[in-house]
Amino acid sequence: MSRKCDICGKSTVAGNNVSHANNKTKRVWRPNIQRVNAVVDNKSVSMKVCTRCIRSEKVVKR
């Protein structure tokens, strides 16, 4: 399952963990993606949407 929001396009972001000794290791921030049955053009469509889009009512849940 791709970790990308179908509404806003939010996806994974890469960066570094930085320790107190300034050691750097790779890490990933992932968005909170949920499967939602949404209403689009009076039809029920299954979408992958981030919780920010659900909360801001950019998606009409069925």
N, C-alpha and C. Protein backbone atom coordinates (compact mmCIF):
# COMPACT_ATOMS: atom_id res chain seq x y z
N MET A 1 0.84 -1.17 0.00
CA MET A 1 0.00 0.00 0.00
C MET A 1 0.89 1.24 0.00
N SER A 2 0.68 2.10 -0.97
CA SER A 2 1.48 3.31 -1.00
C SER A 2 1.07 4.23 0.13
N ARG A 3 2.04 4.88 0.73
CA ARG A 3 1.76 5.77 1.86
C ARG A 3 1.65 7.19 1.33
N LYS A 4 0.57 7.45 0.60
CA LYS A 4 0.35 8.76 0.02
C LYS A 4 -1.13 9.09 0.09
N CYS A 5 -1.44 10.31 0.51
CA CYS A 5 -2.83 10.75 0.62
C CYS A 5 -3.37 11.05 -0.78
N ASP A 6 -4.57 10.54 -1.08
CA ASP A 6 -5.19 10.78 -2.38
C ASP A 6 -5.70 12.21 -2.53
N ILE A 7 -5.87 12.93 -1.44
CA ILE A 7 -6.40 14.30 -1.48
C ILE A 7 -5.28 15.32 -1.56
N CYS A 8 -4.42 15.34 -0.57
CA CYS A 8 -3.40 16.40 -0.49
C CYS A 8 -2.02 15.96 -1.01
N GLY A 9 -1.82 14.66 -1.20
CA GLY A 9 -0.54 14.18 -1.72
C GLY A 9 0.55 14.02 -0.67
N LYS A 10 0.18 14.13 0.61
CA LYS A 10 1.16 13.96 1.68
C LYS A 10 1.74 12.56 1.62
N SER A 11 3.09 12.44 1.72
CA SER A 11 3.73 11.14 1.65
C SER A 11 4.90 11.10 2.62
N THR A 12 5.68 10.01 2.57
CA THR A 12 6.78 9.84 3.50
C THR A 12 7.86 10.89 3.26
N VAL A 13 8.56 11.23 4.37
CA VAL A 13 9.66 12.19 4.32
C VAL A 13 10.85 11.55 5.02
N ALA A 14 12.03 11.65 4.42
CA ALA A 14 13.23 11.05 4.99
C ALA A 14 14.08 12.11 5.66
N GLY A 15 14.83 11.67 6.67
CA GLY A 15 15.72 12.57 7.38
C GLY A 15 16.68 11.78 8.24
N ASN A 16 17.21 12.41 9.27
CA ASN A 16 18.17 11.77 10.14
C ASN A 16 17.74 11.83 11.59
N ASN A 17 18.00 10.74 12.34
CA ASN A 17 18.04 10.82 13.79
C ASN A 17 19.40 11.40 14.15
N VAL A 18 19.42 12.37 15.03
CA VAL A 18 20.69 12.97 15.44
C VAL A 18 20.82 12.78 16.95
N SER A 19 21.85 12.04 17.35
CA SER A 19 22.07 11.77 18.77
C SER A 19 22.77 12.95 19.43
N HIS A 20 22.88 12.88 20.75
CA HIS A 20 23.58 13.93 21.50
C HIS A 20 25.05 14.01 21.08
N ALA A 21 25.62 12.88 20.64
CA ALA A 21 27.01 12.85 20.17
C ALA A 21 27.10 13.20 18.68
N ASN A 22 25.99 13.68 18.11
CA ASN A 22 25.91 14.11 16.71
C ASN A 22 26.11 12.96 15.72
N ASN A 23 25.78 11.71 16.16
CA ASN A 23 25.74 10.59 15.22
C ASN A 23 24.45 10.66 14.44
N LYS A 24 24.51 10.38 13.15
CA LYS A 24 23.32 10.50 12.31
C LYS A 24 22.97 9.14 11.71
N THR A 25 21.71 8.74 11.86
CA THR A 25 21.19 7.53 11.24
C THR A 25 19.91 7.89 10.51
N LYS A 26 19.66 7.22 9.41
CA LYS A 26 18.49 7.52 8.59
C LYS A 26 17.20 7.13 9.31
N ARG A 27 16.16 7.91 9.08
CA ARG A 27 14.84 7.60 9.61
C ARG A 27 13.79 8.14 8.65
N VAL A 28 12.54 7.72 8.86
CA VAL A 28 11.45 8.09 7.97
C VAL A 28 10.26 8.56 8.80
N TRP A 29 9.63 9.66 8.38
CA TRP A 29 8.37 10.11 8.95
C TRP A 29 7.27 9.69 8.01
N ARG A 30 6.27 8.96 8.52
CA ARG A 30 5.17 8.48 7.68
C ARG A 30 3.88 9.18 8.09
N PRO A 31 3.06 9.56 7.11
CA PRO A 31 1.77 10.18 7.44
C PRO A 31 0.79 9.12 7.94
N ASN A 32 -0.19 9.57 8.69
CA ASN A 32 -1.21 8.67 9.22
C ASN A 32 -2.28 8.50 8.15
N ILE A 33 -2.16 7.44 7.35
CA ILE A 33 -3.06 7.18 6.22
C ILE A 33 -4.12 6.18 6.64
N GLN A 34 -5.38 6.50 6.34
CA GLN A 34 -6.51 5.63 6.66
C GLN A 34 -7.27 5.30 5.38
N ARG A 35 -7.81 4.07 5.31
CA ARG A 35 -8.71 3.72 4.21
C ARG A 35 -10.10 4.19 4.57
N VAL A 36 -10.71 4.96 3.67
CA VAL A 36 -12.01 5.58 3.94
C VAL A 36 -12.92 5.36 2.75
N ASN A 37 -14.18 5.02 3.04
CA ASN A 37 -15.19 5.02 2.00
C ASN A 37 -15.74 6.43 1.91
N ALA A 38 -15.44 7.11 0.81
CA ALA A 38 -15.83 8.50 0.65
C ALA A 38 -16.87 8.62 -0.46
N VAL A 39 -17.64 9.71 -0.39
CA VAL A 39 -18.65 9.97 -1.41
C VAL A 39 -18.05 10.94 -2.43
N VAL A 40 -17.93 10.48 -3.68
CA VAL A 40 -17.42 11.31 -4.77
C VAL A 40 -18.42 11.18 -5.93
N ASP A 41 -19.01 12.29 -6.34
CA ASP A 41 -20.02 12.31 -7.41
C ASP A 41 -21.16 11.34 -7.13
N ASN A 42 -21.65 11.35 -5.89
CA ASN A 42 -22.75 10.48 -5.43
C ASN A 42 -22.44 8.99 -5.56
N LYS A 43 -21.16 8.63 -5.54
CA LYS A 43 -20.76 7.23 -5.57
C LYS A 43 -19.81 6.99 -4.40
N SER A 44 -19.86 5.78 -3.86
CA SER A 44 -18.97 5.42 -2.77
C SER A 44 -17.65 4.92 -3.35
N VAL A 45 -16.55 5.57 -2.95
CA VAL A 45 -15.23 5.25 -3.46
C VAL A 45 -14.30 5.01 -2.28
N SER A 46 -13.51 3.94 -2.34
CA SER A 46 -12.52 3.67 -1.31
C SER A 46 -11.27 4.48 -1.62
N MET A 47 -10.83 5.28 -0.64
CA MET A 47 -9.68 6.15 -0.83
C MET A 47 -8.71 5.99 0.33
N LYS A 48 -7.44 6.33 0.08
CA LYS A 48 -6.43 6.40 1.13
C LYS A 48 -6.23 7.88 1.44
N VAL A 49 -6.59 8.28 2.66
CA VAL A 49 -6.61 9.68 3.02
C VAL A 49 -5.90 9.88 4.35
N CYS A 50 -5.15 10.97 4.48
CA CYS A 50 -4.49 11.27 5.75
C CYS A 50 -5.52 11.80 6.75
N THR A 51 -5.21 11.66 8.03
CA THR A 51 -6.15 12.07 9.06
C THR A 51 -6.36 13.57 9.08
N ARG A 52 -5.41 14.35 8.62
CA ARG A 52 -5.58 15.81 8.54
C ARG A 52 -6.70 16.16 7.56
N CYS A 53 -6.77 15.46 6.42
CA CYS A 53 -7.84 15.71 5.45
C CYS A 53 -9.19 15.25 5.96
N ILE A 54 -9.22 14.15 6.72
CA ILE A 54 -10.47 13.67 7.31
C ILE A 54 -10.97 14.68 8.34
N ARG A 55 -10.07 15.17 9.18
CA ARG A 55 -10.43 16.07 10.26
C ARG A 55 -10.88 17.43 9.74
N SER A 56 -10.26 17.91 8.63
CA SER A 56 -10.62 19.21 8.08
C SER A 56 -11.78 19.12 7.10
N GLU A 57 -12.40 17.93 7.03
CA GLU A 57 -13.59 17.69 6.23
C GLU A 57 -13.40 17.95 4.74
N LYS A 58 -12.21 17.63 4.23
CA LYS A 58 -11.97 17.66 2.78
C LYS A 58 -12.55 16.42 2.13
N VAL A 59 -12.92 15.43 2.98
CA VAL A 59 -13.49 14.17 2.50
C VAL A 59 -14.86 14.00 3.16
N VAL A 60 -15.84 13.61 2.37
CA VAL A 60 -17.16 13.29 2.92
C VAL A 60 -17.22 11.79 3.09
N LYS A 61 -17.20 11.35 4.36
CA LYS A 61 -17.21 9.91 4.63
C LYS A 61 -18.61 9.36 4.42
N ARG A 62 -18.68 8.10 4.03
CA ARG A 62 -19.95 7.44 3.81
C ARG A 62 -20.28 6.59 4.98
